[in-house]
Amino acid sequence: MGGPELDMATADAIAGEFGRASTHSLPVGAPCPNCATPLQGPWCHACGQKGEDYHRSIWHVVVEAFEGLTHFDGRFWQTLPRLLIKPGQLTRDYLDGHRAAQIPPFRLFLVVLLLVFFAGGLNLQGSAKQVVAGVKDNTVTREMTPQDRADLAEAMQNLNKAAGGAKDPKINTVLGDSAFWSERAKKAVENPELLIQAMEQWGHRFAILMLPIAALLLSALFVFKRGVYVFDHLIFSMHSLSFLGLLVTLCFLGGLGVGWIWQLLWLAPVHLFVHMRGTYRISVIGTLLRMVLLFFGSSIAVAVLFAALVVVGVATMH
């Protein structure tokens, strides 16, 4: 992560540090350990030092270290089960102002986003090793039909033409007859690892773009529902995408050893139905109709974002 994402994560971490300081600070009126001035809050107003008592048990220190690194305090055990089982009530409580017992939605989304990319990287590495091993012992080519071999040969031929900047009208339409793009395409074919690395670097930014896109789609779907605002849709999107990210993370990790694990993705529409109906308190028909429209809108948005990610990845390869 970097740039805007790092700034947002830093701001959220600062907010978390204020909350942590309030939880673990010395009582108001106690002398500051540094200058002995009576404390009026988590920090001394005279010298600026944090008013904390550092004489703690080793278990207390370990718990605080874990909390400081992950920001997963006791609220984690209240937020995660509700996100999985009662997502509509979780979002509804946040929108109604009952927020003290929850992990902030944006912080939850950022953490899940990191888990998705970490697990995706492990899955990609494992899949690549399996493919390479299969090619080396000829298991892949041995199971190919003659048509599969012909299709593979045609695909490789098209890639070579694109990499060499051939005067194919279809390829030139995509590349725009640009020497820059021809050179980049050739580099991507010769070194696909560089393209993957560039896409991973930009992937976090593009993933965060799904938040405003989802909020805008929901705003269009609920345009005639009174008392619902863009902020509500944004919180709903953070919770919904966080669940989807956890589900995809589980599939990535489980996919390293179990092929059927991806069938768990069928839980996503079930969860979305329960989440949407519980949050917006609409009818079954209204929920299903909006889910269908949201699916098509999200599919188009994901396709556009992925195409843009590939283009940016090709353009920024080093």
C-alpha atoms as a PDB file:
ATOM      1  CA  MET A   1       0.000   0.000   0.000  1.00  0.00           C
ATOM      2  CA  GLY A   2       1.105   3.531  -0.507  1.00  0.00           C
ATOM      3  CA  GLY A   3       0.008   7.056  -1.213  1.00  0.00           C
ATOM      4  CA  PRO A   4      -3.654   7.740  -0.397  1.00  0.00           C
ATOM      5  CA  GLU A   5      -4.172   4.311   1.149  1.00  0.00           C
ATOM      6  CA  LEU A   6      -1.276   4.828   3.550  1.00  0.00           C
ATOM      7  CA  ASP A   7      -2.603   8.272   4.507  1.00  0.00           C
ATOM      8  CA  MET A   8      -6.067   6.864   5.204  1.00  0.00           C
ATOM      9  CA  ALA A   9      -4.651   3.969   7.197  1.00  0.00           C
ATOM     10  CA  THR A  10      -2.440   6.370   9.181  1.00  0.00           C
ATOM     11  CA  ALA A  11      -5.367   8.640  10.009  1.00  0.00           C
ATOM     12  CA  ASP A  12      -7.392   5.646  11.133  1.00  0.00           C
ATOM     13  CA  ALA A  13      -4.472   4.383  13.229  1.00  0.00           C
ATOM     14  CA  ILE A  14      -4.164   7.798  14.929  1.00  0.00           C
ATOM     15  CA  ALA A  15      -7.837   7.676  15.801  1.00  0.00           C
ATOM     16  CA  GLY A  16      -7.302   4.192  17.213  1.00  0.00           C
ATOM     17  CA  GLU A  17      -4.353   5.420  19.257  1.00  0.00           C
ATOM     18  CA  PHE A  18      -6.516   8.121  20.833  1.00  0.00           C
ATOM     19  CA  GLY A  19      -9.029   5.461  21.813  1.00  0.00           C
ATOM     20  CA  ARG A  20      -6.294   3.203  23.179  1.00  0.00           C
ATOM     21  CA  ALA A  21      -4.775   6.055  25.182  1.00  0.00           C
ATOM     22  CA  SER A  22      -8.134   6.776  26.762  1.00  0.00           C
ATOM     23  CA  THR A  23      -8.510   3.104  27.700  1.00  0.00           C
ATOM     24  CA  HIS A  24      -5.079   2.550  29.251  1.00  0.00           C
ATOM     25  CA  SER A  25      -4.311   6.008  30.684  1.00  0.00           C
ATOM     26  CA  LEU A  26      -3.883   6.909  34.332  1.00  0.00           C
ATOM     27  CA  PRO A  27      -6.956   8.310  36.117  1.00  0.00           C
ATOM     28  CA  VAL A  28      -7.685  12.020  35.885  1.00  0.00           C
ATOM     29  CA  GLY A  29      -5.918  13.886  38.688  1.00  0.00           C
ATOM     30  CA  ALA A  30      -3.032  11.418  38.973  1.00  0.00           C
ATOM     31  CA  PRO A  31       0.428  13.028  38.764  1.00  0.00           C
ATOM     32  CA  CYS A  32       2.150  12.902  35.392  1.00  0.00           C
ATOM     33  CA  PRO A  33       5.071  10.404  35.588  1.00  0.00           C
ATOM     34  CA  ASN A  34       7.308  12.956  33.838  1.00  0.00           C
ATOM     35  CA  CYS A  35       6.531  16.345  35.404  1.00  0.00           C
ATOM     36  CA  ALA A  36       4.102  15.504  38.250  1.00  0.00           C
ATOM     37  CA  THR A  37       1.420  17.823  36.864  1.00  0.00           C
ATOM     38  CA  PRO A  38      -2.092  16.533  37.662  1.00  0.00           C
ATOM     39  CA  LEU A  39      -3.452  14.842  34.545  1.00  0.00           C
ATOM     40  CA  GLN A  40      -6.592  16.141  32.900  1.00  0.00           C
ATOM     41  CA  GLY A  41      -6.745  13.510  30.148  1.00  0.00           C
ATOM     42  CA  PRO A  42      -4.762  10.764  28.383  1.00  0.00           C
ATOM     43  CA  TRP A  43      -1.852  13.171  27.736  1.00  0.00           C
ATOM     44  CA  CYS A  44      -0.224  15.639  30.086  1.00  0.00           C
ATOM     45  CA  HIS A  45      -1.180  19.195  29.096  1.00  0.00           C
ATOM     46  CA  ALA A  46       2.089  20.530  30.548  1.00  0.00           C
ATOM     47  CA  CYS A  47       4.783  18.312  28.983  1.00  0.00           C
ATOM     48  CA  GLY A  48       2.817  16.331  26.399  1.00  0.00           C
ATOM     49  CA  GLN A  49       3.791  12.870  27.664  1.00  0.00           C
ATOM     50  CA  LYS A  50       1.214  10.093  27.550  1.00  0.00           C
ATOM     51  CA  GLY A  51      -0.122   9.445  31.018  1.00  0.00           C
ATOM     52  CA  GLU A  52       0.300   5.693  31.277  1.00  0.00           C
ATOM     53  CA  ASP A  53       1.511   3.338  33.981  1.00  0.00           C
ATOM     54  CA  TYR A  54       4.012   0.950  32.368  1.00  0.00           C
ATOM     55  CA  HIS A  55       4.291  -1.379  35.367  1.00  0.00           C
ATOM     56  CA  ARG A  56       2.171  -4.170  33.893  1.00  0.00           C
ATOM     57  CA  SER A  57       2.212  -7.943  33.772  1.00  0.00           C
ATOM     58  CA  ILE A  58       3.805  -9.685  30.784  1.00  0.00           C
ATOM     59  CA  TRP A  59       0.366 -10.942  29.684  1.00  0.00           C
ATOM     60  CA  HIS A  60      -0.944  -7.359  29.724  1.00  0.00           C
ATOM     61  CA  VAL A  61       2.000  -6.251  27.582  1.00  0.00           C
ATOM     62  CA  VAL A  62       1.446  -9.078  25.061  1.00  0.00           C
ATOM     63  CA  VAL A  63      -2.248  -8.234  24.762  1.00  0.00           C
ATOM     64  CA  GLU A  64      -1.487  -4.540  24.224  1.00  0.00           C
ATOM     65  CA  ALA A  65       1.177  -5.359  21.622  1.00  0.00           C
ATOM     66  CA  PHE A  66      -1.303  -7.493  19.682  1.00  0.00           C
ATOM     67  CA  GLU A  67      -3.915  -4.774  19.966  1.00  0.00           C
ATOM     68  CA  GLY A  68      -1.474  -2.099  18.828  1.00  0.00           C
ATOM     69  CA  LEU A  69      -0.306  -4.061  15.796  1.00  0.00           C
ATOM     70  CA  THR A  70      -3.692  -5.190  14.552  1.00  0.00           C
ATOM     71  CA  HIS A  71      -6.124  -2.787  16.256  1.00  0.00           C
ATOM     72  CA  PHE A  72      -8.173  -5.894  17.048  1.00  0.00           C
ATOM     73  CA  ASP A  73      -9.297  -5.232  20.589  1.00  0.00           C
ATOM     74  CA  GLY A  74     -12.342  -6.740  22.272  1.00  0.00           C
ATOM     75  CA  ARG A  75     -14.582  -5.215  19.601  1.00  0.00           C
ATOM     76  CA  PHE A  76     -13.236  -7.738  17.098  1.00  0.00           C
ATOM     77  CA  TRP A  77     -15.035 -10.595  18.857  1.00  0.00           C
ATOM     78  CA  GLN A  78     -18.269  -8.620  18.775  1.00  0.00           C
ATOM     79  CA  THR A  79     -17.975  -7.372  15.191  1.00  0.00           C
ATOM     80  CA  LEU A  80     -16.850 -10.466  13.275  1.00  0.00           C
ATOM     81  CA  PRO A  81     -19.589 -12.912  14.397  1.00  0.00           C
ATOM     82  CA  ARG A  82     -22.270 -10.312  13.699  1.00  0.00           C
ATOM     83  CA  LEU A  83     -20.772  -9.567  10.287  1.00  0.00           C
ATOM     84  CA  LEU A  84     -21.043 -13.261   9.441  1.00  0.00           C
ATOM     85  CA  ILE A  85     -24.426 -14.057  10.984  1.00  0.00           C
ATOM     86  CA  LYS A  86     -26.310 -10.765  11.510  1.00  0.00           C
ATOM     87  CA  PRO A  87     -24.832  -8.324   8.985  1.00  0.00           C
ATOM     88  CA  GLY A  88     -28.004  -6.282   8.633  1.00  0.00           C
ATOM     89  CA  GLN A  89     -28.207  -5.637  12.377  1.00  0.00           C
ATOM     90  CA  LEU A  90     -24.496  -4.780  12.494  1.00  0.00           C
ATOM     91  CA  THR A  91     -24.823  -2.102   9.804  1.00  0.00           C
ATOM     92  CA  ARG A  92     -28.142  -0.879  11.165  1.00  0.00           C
ATOM     93  CA  ASP A  93     -26.648  -0.430  14.653  1.00  0.00           C
ATOM     94  CA  TYR A  94     -23.747   1.576  13.235  1.00  0.00           C
ATOM     95  CA  LEU A  95     -26.079   3.838  11.264  1.00  0.00           C
ATOM     96  CA  ASP A  96     -28.262   4.318  14.340  1.00  0.00           C
ATOM     97  CA  GLY A  97     -25.238   5.494  16.353  1.00  0.00           C
ATOM     98  CA  HIS A  98     -24.407   2.336  18.335  1.00  0.00           C
ATOM     99  CA  ARG A  99     -20.743   2.291  17.306  1.00  0.00           C
ATOM    100  CA  ALA A 100     -18.658   1.898  20.448  1.00  0.00           C
ATOM    101  CA  ALA A 101     -18.786  -1.920  20.361  1.00  0.00           C
ATOM    102  CA  GLN A 102     -17.804  -2.185  16.679  1.00  0.00           C
ATOM    103  CA  ILE A 103     -14.565  -2.065  14.751  1.00  0.00           C
ATOM    104  CA  PRO A 104     -14.733   1.037  12.500  1.00  0.00           C
ATOM    105  CA  PRO A 105     -15.970  -0.177   9.089  1.00  0.00           C
ATOM    106  CA  PHE A 106     -13.148   1.413   7.121  1.00  0.00           C
ATOM    107  CA  ARG A 107     -10.485  -0.099   9.373  1.00  0.00           C
ATOM    108  CA  LEU A 108     -12.157  -3.497   8.987  1.00  0.00           C
ATOM    109  CA  PHE A 109     -12.233  -3.067   5.216  1.00  0.00           C
ATOM    110  CA  LEU A 110      -8.524  -2.147   5.053  1.00  0.00           C
ATOM    111  CA  VAL A 111      -7.478  -5.140   7.153  1.00  0.00           C
ATOM    112  CA  VAL A 112      -9.598  -7.527   5.065  1.00  0.00           C
ATOM    113  CA  LEU A 113      -8.184  -6.012   1.880  1.00  0.00           C
ATOM    114  CA  LEU A 114      -4.652  -6.792   3.047  1.00  0.00           C
ATOM    115  CA  LEU A 115      -5.701 -10.361   3.894  1.00  0.00           C
ATOM    116  CA  VAL A 116      -7.202 -10.833   0.410  1.00  0.00           C
ATOM    117  CA  PHE A 117      -4.041  -9.735  -1.377  1.00  0.00           C
ATOM    118  CA  PHE A 118      -1.816 -11.760   0.950  1.00  0.00           C
ATOM    119  CA  ALA A 119      -3.883 -14.927   0.494  1.00  0.00           C
ATOM    120  CA  GLY A 120      -4.211 -14.274  -3.240  1.00  0.00           C
ATOM    121  CA  GLY A 121      -0.435 -14.052  -3.547  1.00  0.00           C
ATOM    122  CA  LEU A 122      -0.006 -17.381  -1.784  1.00  0.00           C
ATOM    123  CA  ASN A 123      -2.651 -19.000  -3.986  1.00  0.00           C
ATOM    124  CA  LEU A 124      -1.073 -17.611  -7.158  1.00  0.00           C
ATOM    125  CA  GLN A 125       2.356 -18.908  -6.173  1.00  0.00           C
ATOM    126  CA  GLY A 126       0.962 -22.343  -5.352  1.00  0.00           C
ATOM    127  CA  SER A 127      -0.999 -22.522  -8.621  1.00  0.00           C
ATOM    128  CA  ALA A 128       2.037 -21.454 -10.632  1.00  0.00           C
ATOM    129  CA  LYS A 129       4.159 -24.174  -9.046  1.00  0.00           C
ATOM    130  CA  GLN A 130       1.510 -26.796  -9.858  1.00  0.00           C
ATOM    131  CA  VAL A 131       1.307 -25.655 -13.484  1.00  0.00           C
ATOM    132  CA  VAL A 132       5.089 -25.655 -13.878  1.00  0.00           C
ATOM    133  CA  ALA A 133       5.315 -29.126 -12.337  1.00  0.00           C
ATOM    134  CA  GLY A 134       2.557 -30.368 -14.656  1.00  0.00           C
ATOM    135  CA  VAL A 135       4.289 -28.978 -17.729  1.00  0.00           C
ATOM    136  CA  LYS A 136       7.627 -30.497 -16.763  1.00  0.00           C
ATOM    137  CA  ASP A 137       6.210 -34.022 -16.463  1.00  0.00           C
ATOM    138  CA  ASN A 138       3.955 -33.502 -19.538  1.00  0.00           C
ATOM    139  CA  THR A 139       0.717 -34.128 -17.602  1.00  0.00           C
ATOM    140  CA  VAL A 140      -0.823 -30.924 -18.931  1.00  0.00           C
ATOM    141  CA  THR A 141      -0.044 -31.513 -22.597  1.00  0.00           C
ATOM    142  CA  ARG A 142      -0.871 -35.205 -22.313  1.00  0.00           C
ATOM    143  CA  GLU A 143      -4.440 -34.411 -21.202  1.00  0.00           C
ATOM    144  CA  MET A 144      -5.004 -31.880 -24.009  1.00  0.00           C
ATOM    145  CA  THR A 145      -7.253 -32.735 -26.932  1.00  0.00           C
ATOM    146  CA  PRO A 146      -6.099 -31.887 -30.478  1.00  0.00           C
ATOM    147  CA  GLN A 147      -8.466 -28.891 -30.429  1.00  0.00           C
ATOM    148  CA  ASP A 148      -6.944 -27.685 -27.139  1.00  0.00           C
ATOM    149  CA  ARG A 149      -3.462 -27.867 -28.643  1.00  0.00           C
ATOM    150  CA  ALA A 150      -4.624 -25.944 -31.705  1.00  0.00           C
ATOM    151  CA  ASP A 151      -6.217 -23.245 -29.547  1.00  0.00           C
ATOM    152  CA  LEU A 152      -3.078 -22.971 -27.425  1.00  0.00           C
ATOM    153  CA  ALA A 153      -0.897 -22.650 -30.530  1.00  0.00           C
ATOM    154  CA  GLU A 154      -3.170 -19.932 -31.932  1.00  0.00           C
ATOM    155  CA  ALA A 155      -3.132 -18.025 -28.637  1.00  0.00           C
ATOM    156  CA  MET A 156       0.659 -18.167 -28.440  1.00  0.00           C
ATOM    157  CA  GLN A 157       0.882 -16.993 -32.054  1.00  0.00           C
ATOM    158  CA  ASN A 158      -1.349 -14.004 -31.300  1.00  0.00           C
ATOM    159  CA  LEU A 159       0.743 -13.156 -28.230  1.00  0.00           C
ATOM    160  CA  ASN A 160       3.920 -13.284 -30.273  1.00  0.00           C
ATOM    161  CA  LYS A 161       2.370 -11.012 -32.895  1.00  0.00           C
ATOM    162  CA  ALA A 162       1.338  -8.530 -30.222  1.00  0.00           C
ATOM    163  CA  ALA A 163       4.768  -8.662 -28.626  1.00  0.00           C
ATOM    164  CA  GLY A 164       6.479  -8.118 -31.968  1.00  0.00           C
ATOM    165  CA  GLY A 165       4.183  -5.271 -32.988  1.00  0.00           C
ATOM    166  CA  ALA A 166       2.860  -7.137 -36.017  1.00  0.00           C
ATOM    167  CA  LYS A 167       0.635  -5.320 -38.473  1.00  0.00           C
ATOM    168  CA  ASP A 168      -2.466  -7.243 -37.511  1.00  0.00           C
ATOM    169  CA  PRO A 169      -5.508  -4.885 -37.748  1.00  0.00           C
ATOM    170  CA  LYS A 170      -7.138  -6.388 -34.650  1.00  0.00           C
ATOM    171  CA  ILE A 171      -3.970  -6.093 -32.571  1.00  0.00           C
ATOM    172  CA  ASN A 172      -3.263  -2.587 -33.838  1.00  0.00           C
ATOM    173  CA  THR A 173      -6.779  -1.548 -32.837  1.00  0.00           C
ATOM    174  CA  VAL A 174      -5.968  -2.476 -29.232  1.00  0.00           C
ATOM    175  CA  LEU A 175      -2.436  -1.156 -29.201  1.00  0.00           C
ATOM    176  CA  GLY A 176      -3.255   1.961 -31.171  1.00  0.00           C
ATOM    177  CA  ASP A 177      -0.226   1.541 -33.478  1.00  0.00           C
ATOM    178  CA  SER A 178       1.896   2.876 -30.614  1.00  0.00           C
ATOM    179  CA  ALA A 179       5.523   1.844 -30.305  1.00  0.00           C
ATOM    180  CA  PHE A 180       5.227   2.370 -26.543  1.00  0.00           C
ATOM    181  CA  TRP A 181       2.409  -0.138 -26.162  1.00  0.00           C
ATOM    182  CA  SER A 182       4.045  -2.589 -28.558  1.00  0.00           C
ATOM    183  CA  GLU A 183       7.204  -2.517 -26.479  1.00  0.00           C
ATOM    184  CA  ARG A 184       5.240  -2.885 -23.252  1.00  0.00           C
ATOM    185  CA  ALA A 185       3.226  -5.796 -24.653  1.00  0.00           C
ATOM    186  CA  LYS A 186       6.410  -7.554 -25.676  1.00  0.00           C
ATOM    187  CA  LYS A 187       7.887  -6.992 -22.225  1.00  0.00           C
ATOM    188  CA  ALA A 188       4.723  -8.327 -20.566  1.00  0.00           C
ATOM    189  CA  VAL A 189       4.816 -11.509 -22.678  1.00  0.00           C
ATOM    190  CA  GLU A 190       8.500 -12.080 -22.007  1.00  0.00           C
ATOM    191  CA  ASN A 191       8.275 -11.247 -18.280  1.00  0.00           C
ATOM    192  CA  PRO A 192       4.743 -11.906 -16.990  1.00  0.00           C
ATOM    193  CA  GLU A 193       6.042 -11.708 -13.414  1.00  0.00           C
ATOM    194  CA  LEU A 194       6.704  -7.988 -13.900  1.00  0.00           C
ATOM    195  CA  LEU A 195       3.147  -7.436 -15.067  1.00  0.00           C
ATOM    196  CA  ILE A 196       1.783  -9.330 -12.068  1.00  0.00           C
ATOM    197  CA  GLN A 197       3.938  -7.295  -9.681  1.00  0.00           C
ATOM    198  CA  ALA A 198       2.799  -4.018 -11.240  1.00  0.00           C
ATOM    199  CA  MET A 199      -0.840  -5.092 -11.044  1.00  0.00           C
ATOM    200  CA  GLU A 200      -0.394  -6.061  -7.387  1.00  0.00           C
ATOM    201  CA  GLN A 201       1.031  -2.616  -6.612  1.00  0.00           C
ATOM    202  CA  TRP A 202      -1.994  -0.910  -8.123  1.00  0.00           C
ATOM    203  CA  GLY A 203      -4.508  -3.541  -7.043  1.00  0.00           C
ATOM    204  CA  HIS A 204      -5.039  -2.010  -3.582  1.00  0.00           C
ATOM    205  CA  ARG A 205      -5.956   1.348  -5.084  1.00  0.00           C
ATOM    206  CA  PHE A 206      -8.354  -0.146  -7.604  1.00  0.00           C
ATOM    207  CA  ALA A 207      -9.955  -2.315  -4.908  1.00  0.00           C
ATOM    208  CA  ILE A 208     -10.667   0.741  -2.754  1.00  0.00           C
ATOM    209  CA  LEU A 209     -12.430   2.312  -5.746  1.00  0.00           C
ATOM    210  CA  MET A 210     -15.133  -0.340  -5.332  1.00  0.00           C
ATOM    211  CA  LEU A 211     -16.342   1.491  -2.214  1.00  0.00           C
ATOM    212  CA  PRO A 212     -17.541   4.690  -3.935  1.00  0.00           C
ATOM    213  CA  ILE A 213     -18.718   2.692  -6.960  1.00  0.00           C
ATOM    214  CA  ALA A 214     -20.831   0.393  -4.781  1.00  0.00           C
ATOM    215  CA  ALA A 215     -22.185   3.383  -2.850  1.00  0.00           C
ATOM    216  CA  LEU A 216     -23.200   5.131  -6.086  1.00  0.00           C
ATOM    217  CA  LEU A 217     -24.873   1.980  -7.414  1.00  0.00           C
ATOM    218  CA  LEU A 218     -26.824   1.606  -4.180  1.00  0.00           C
ATOM    219  CA  SER A 219     -27.761   5.291  -4.275  1.00  0.00           C
ATOM    220  CA  ALA A 220     -29.299   4.727  -7.707  1.00  0.00           C
ATOM    221  CA  LEU A 221     -31.133   1.611  -6.522  1.00  0.00           C
ATOM    222  CA  PHE A 222     -32.572   3.342  -3.439  1.00  0.00           C
ATOM    223  CA  VAL A 223     -33.115   6.766  -5.007  1.00  0.00           C
ATOM    224  CA  PHE A 224     -36.819   6.699  -4.144  1.00  0.00           C
ATOM    225  CA  LYS A 225     -36.400   5.431  -0.566  1.00  0.00           C
ATOM    226  CA  ARG A 226     -36.689   8.274   1.922  1.00  0.00           C
ATOM    227  CA  GLY A 227     -34.323   8.679   4.851  1.00  0.00           C
ATOM    228  CA  VAL A 228     -31.429   6.812   3.178  1.00  0.00           C
ATOM    229  CA  TYR A 229     -28.245   8.681   2.315  1.00  0.00           C
ATOM    230  CA  VAL A 230     -24.962   8.054   0.490  1.00  0.00           C
ATOM    231  CA  PHE A 231     -23.229   7.668   3.871  1.00  0.00           C
ATOM    232  CA  ASP A 232     -25.546   4.769   4.676  1.00  0.00           C
ATOM    233  CA  HIS A 233     -24.684   3.076   1.393  1.00  0.00           C
ATOM    234  CA  LEU A 234     -20.968   3.599   2.043  1.00  0.00           C
ATOM    235  CA  ILE A 235     -21.121   1.879   5.442  1.00  0.00           C
ATOM    236  CA  PHE A 236     -23.196  -0.926   3.934  1.00  0.00           C
ATOM    237  CA  SER A 237     -20.582  -1.328   1.166  1.00  0.00           C
ATOM    238  CA  MET A 238     -17.715  -1.510   3.660  1.00  0.00           C
ATOM    239  CA  HIS A 239     -19.408  -4.249   5.659  1.00  0.00           C
ATOM    240  CA  SER A 240     -20.577  -6.162   2.585  1.00  0.00           C
ATOM    241  CA  LEU A 241     -17.200  -6.023   0.825  1.00  0.00           C
ATOM    242  CA  SER A 242     -15.455  -6.976   4.073  1.00  0.00           C
ATOM    243  CA  PHE A 243     -17.509 -10.167   4.274  1.00  0.00           C
ATOM    244  CA  LEU A 244     -16.841 -10.908   0.600  1.00  0.00           C
ATOM    245  CA  GLY A 245     -13.129 -10.311   1.193  1.00  0.00           C
ATOM    246  CA  LEU A 246     -13.075 -12.731   4.122  1.00  0.00           C
ATOM    247  CA  LEU A 247     -14.876 -15.329   2.008  1.00  0.00           C
ATOM    248  CA  VAL A 248     -12.444 -14.906  -0.888  1.00  0.00           C
ATOM    249  CA  THR A 249      -9.500 -15.096   1.538  1.00  0.00           C
ATOM    250  CA  LEU A 250     -10.831 -18.397   2.884  1.00  0.00           C
ATOM    251  CA  CYS A 251     -11.201 -19.710  -0.673  1.00  0.00           C
ATOM    252  CA  PHE A 252      -7.698 -18.597  -1.623  1.00  0.00           C
ATOM    253  CA  LEU A 253      -6.151 -20.346   1.365  1.00  0.00           C
ATOM    254  CA  GLY A 254      -8.368 -23.419   1.154  1.00  0.00           C
ATOM    255  CA  GLY A 255      -7.840 -23.641  -2.595  1.00  0.00           C
ATOM    256  CA  LEU A 256      -4.214 -24.569  -1.992  1.00  0.00           C
ATOM    257  CA  GLY A 257      -5.364 -28.021  -0.920  1.00  0.00           C
ATOM    258  CA  VAL A 258      -9.103 -28.374  -1.565  1.00  0.00           C
ATOM    259  CA  GLY A 259     -10.632 -27.796  -4.979  1.00  0.00           C
ATOM    260  CA  TRP A 260     -14.287 -27.620  -3.912  1.00  0.00           C
ATOM    261  CA  ILE A 261     -13.653 -24.741  -1.501  1.00  0.00           C
ATOM    262  CA  TRP A 262     -14.655 -22.245  -4.186  1.00  0.00           C
ATOM    263  CA  GLN A 263     -18.222 -23.520  -3.933  1.00  0.00           C
ATOM    264  CA  LEU A 264     -18.415 -21.436  -0.742  1.00  0.00           C
ATOM    265  CA  LEU A 265     -18.756 -18.359  -2.945  1.00  0.00           C
ATOM    266  CA  TRP A 266     -22.435 -19.295  -3.262  1.00  0.00           C
ATOM    267  CA  LEU A 267     -22.729 -17.939   0.286  1.00  0.00           C
ATOM    268  CA  ALA A 268     -22.080 -14.428  -1.053  1.00  0.00           C
ATOM    269  CA  PRO A 269     -25.560 -13.823  -2.566  1.00  0.00           C
ATOM    270  CA  VAL A 270     -27.216 -15.393   0.499  1.00  0.00           C
ATOM    271  CA  HIS A 271     -25.291 -13.065   2.785  1.00  0.00           C
ATOM    272  CA  LEU A 272     -26.038 -10.077   0.554  1.00  0.00           C
ATOM    273  CA  PHE A 273     -29.765 -10.839   0.683  1.00  0.00           C
ATOM    274  CA  VAL A 274     -29.789 -11.053   4.490  1.00  0.00           C
ATOM    275  CA  HIS A 275     -27.544  -7.990   4.778  1.00  0.00           C
ATOM    276  CA  MET A 276     -29.516  -5.782   2.391  1.00  0.00           C
ATOM    277  CA  ARG A 277     -32.942  -6.713   3.730  1.00  0.00           C
ATOM    278  CA  GLY A 278     -31.827  -6.289   7.340  1.00  0.00           C
ATOM    279  CA  THR A 279     -30.144  -2.929   6.729  1.00  0.00           C
ATOM    280  CA  TYR A 280     -32.698  -1.211   4.513  1.00  0.00           C
ATOM    281  CA  ARG A 281     -35.752  -3.083   5.859  1.00  0.00           C
ATOM    282  CA  ILE A 282     -37.328  -3.732   2.473  1.00  0.00           C
ATOM    283  CA  SER A 283     -39.487  -6.541   1.107  1.00  0.00           C
ATOM    284  CA  VAL A 284     -38.216  -9.847  -0.260  1.00  0.00           C
ATOM    285  CA  ILE A 285     -39.150  -8.909  -3.847  1.00  0.00           C
ATOM    286  CA  GLY A 286     -37.556  -5.479  -3.496  1.00  0.00           C
ATOM    287  CA  THR A 287     -34.371  -7.035  -2.136  1.00  0.00           C
ATOM    288  CA  LEU A 288     -34.105  -9.634  -4.892  1.00  0.00           C
ATOM    289  CA  LEU A 289     -34.753  -7.068  -7.621  1.00  0.00           C
ATOM    290  CA  ARG A 290     -32.082  -4.727  -6.290  1.00  0.00           C
ATOM    291  CA  MET A 291     -29.664  -7.634  -5.900  1.00  0.00           C
ATOM    292  CA  VAL A 292     -30.041  -8.525  -9.595  1.00  0.00           C
ATOM    293  CA  LEU A 293     -29.477  -4.926 -10.677  1.00  0.00           C
ATOM    294  CA  LEU A 294     -26.556  -4.586  -8.275  1.00  0.00           C
ATOM    295  CA  PHE A 295     -25.014  -7.773  -9.680  1.00  0.00           C
ATOM    296  CA  PHE A 296     -25.073  -6.488 -13.250  1.00  0.00           C
ATOM    297  CA  GLY A 297     -23.828  -3.052 -12.272  1.00  0.00           C
ATOM    298  CA  SER A 298     -21.032  -4.480 -10.146  1.00  0.00           C
ATOM    299  CA  SER A 299     -20.019  -6.921 -12.886  1.00  0.00           C
ATOM    300  CA  ILE A 300     -19.614  -4.082 -15.362  1.00  0.00           C
ATOM    301  CA  ALA A 301     -17.674  -2.014 -12.806  1.00  0.00           C
ATOM    302  CA  VAL A 302     -15.353  -4.924 -11.954  1.00  0.00           C
ATOM    303  CA  ALA A 303     -14.716  -5.630 -15.641  1.00  0.00           C
ATOM    304  CA  VAL A 304     -13.871  -1.975 -16.323  1.00  0.00           C
ATOM    305  CA  LEU A 305     -11.635  -1.746 -13.249  1.00  0.00           C
ATOM    306  CA  PHE A 306      -9.812  -4.964 -14.143  1.00  0.00           C
ATOM    307  CA  ALA A 307      -9.228  -3.782 -17.717  1.00  0.00           C
ATOM    308  CA  ALA A 308      -7.936  -0.472 -16.380  1.00  0.00           C
ATOM    309  CA  LEU A 309      -5.723  -2.336 -13.906  1.00  0.00           C
ATOM    310  CA  VAL A 310      -4.166  -4.377 -16.725  1.00  0.00           C
ATOM    311  CA  VAL A 311      -3.536  -1.240 -18.783  1.00  0.00           C
ATOM    312  CA  VAL A 312      -1.987   0.605 -15.826  1.00  0.00           C
ATOM    313  CA  GLY A 313       0.046  -2.490 -14.944  1.00  0.00           C
ATOM    314  CA  VAL A 314       1.424  -2.756 -18.483  1.00  0.00           C
ATOM    315  CA  ALA A 315       2.188   0.976 -18.552  1.00  0.00           C
ATOM    316  CA  THR A 316       4.020   1.006 -15.180  1.00  0.00           C
ATOM    317  CA  MET A 317       6.119  -2.164 -15.466  1.00  0.00           C
ATOM    318  CA  HIS A 318       9.751  -1.638 -14.507  1.00  0.00           C
END
